[in-house]
Amino acid sequence: MRPLNILLAVIGGAIAGAALGLLFAPERGDETRNRIAELLKSKGINLPGKKLDDLVDDITREIKTAEPEA
């Protein structure tokens, strides 16, 4: 593998792990959604309110569909 691919895989894994950690944390849903929104803003993703809400909804939906069945 090329070093760039390895770096991108590590970064992608870290982001996915952080997102899953936030969603499985013992917080209320709205608190978790606020933390996801704050994380996105801290990474430089500045969107108008409704678009940011839609992005958080999409992230939440994708993670829930990726959850393994218990």
Protein backbone atom coordinates (compact mmCIF):
# COMPACT_ATOMS: atom_id res chain seq x y z
CA MET A 1 0.00 0.00 0.00
CA ARG A 2 1.05 3.53 -0.59
CA PRO A 3 1.76 5.64 2.51
CA LEU A 4 -1.02 8.08 1.57
CA ASN A 5 -3.58 5.26 1.52
CA ILE A 6 -2.43 4.08 4.94
CA LEU A 7 -2.68 7.61 6.34
CA LEU A 8 -6.17 8.09 4.91
CA ALA A 9 -7.26 4.73 6.34
CA VAL A 10 -6.00 5.70 9.80
CA ILE A 11 -7.72 9.09 9.66
CA GLY A 12 -10.96 7.53 8.40
CA GLY A 13 -10.86 4.94 11.18
CA ALA A 14 -10.28 7.61 13.80
CA ILE A 15 -13.24 9.64 12.57
CA ALA A 16 -15.50 6.57 12.44
CA GLY A 17 -14.39 5.53 15.93
CA ALA A 18 -15.07 8.98 17.33
CA ALA A 19 -18.51 9.08 15.72
CA LEU A 20 -19.42 5.66 17.10
CA GLY A 21 -18.11 6.61 20.52
CA LEU A 22 -20.30 9.68 20.53
CA LEU A 23 -23.39 7.79 19.45
CA PHE A 24 -22.96 5.00 21.99
CA ALA A 25 -22.10 7.34 24.85
CA PRO A 26 -24.62 7.35 27.70
CA GLU A 27 -25.95 10.80 26.85
CA ARG A 28 -29.33 11.95 25.66
CA GLY A 29 -29.79 12.04 21.90
CA ASP A 30 -29.93 15.82 21.60
CA GLU A 31 -26.72 16.17 23.64
CA THR A 32 -25.00 13.68 21.34
CA ARG A 33 -26.26 15.50 18.25
CA ASN A 34 -24.94 18.77 19.67
CA ARG A 35 -21.54 17.17 20.25
CA ILE A 36 -21.45 15.90 16.66
CA ALA A 37 -22.33 19.39 15.41
CA GLU A 38 -19.63 20.95 17.59
CA LEU A 39 -17.09 18.39 16.33
CA LEU A 40 -17.95 19.20 12.71
CA LYS A 41 -17.63 22.93 13.39
CA SER A 42 -14.27 22.43 15.12
CA LYS A 43 -13.05 20.59 11.99
CA GLY A 44 -13.94 23.59 9.85
CA ILE A 45 -17.30 22.42 8.51
CA ASN A 46 -19.32 25.62 8.72
CA LEU A 47 -22.80 25.21 7.29
CA PRO A 48 -26.01 27.17 7.82
CA GLY A 49 -28.17 25.77 10.63
CA LYS A 50 -30.53 23.60 8.57
CA LYS A 51 -27.76 22.14 6.41
CA LEU A 52 -25.70 21.29 9.49
CA ASP A 53 -28.74 19.61 11.05
CA ASP A 54 -29.24 17.60 7.85
CA LEU A 55 -25.59 16.51 7.86
CA VAL A 56 -25.81 15.43 11.52
CA ASP A 57 -29.00 13.49 10.67
CA ASP A 58 -27.22 11.78 7.76
CA ILE A 59 -24.24 10.84 9.94
CA THR A 60 -26.53 9.48 12.65
CA ARG A 61 -28.57 7.48 10.13
CA GLU A 62 -25.46 6.00 8.49
CA ILE A 63 -23.99 4.92 11.80
CA LYS A 64 -27.25 3.36 12.95
CA THR A 65 -27.54 1.35 9.74
CA ALA A 66 -23.93 0.18 10.16
CA GLU A 67 -24.54 -1.10 13.72
CA PRO A 68 -24.15 -4.85 14.07
CA GLU A 69 -27.25 -6.75 15.14
CA ALA A 70 -27.21 -7.79 18.79
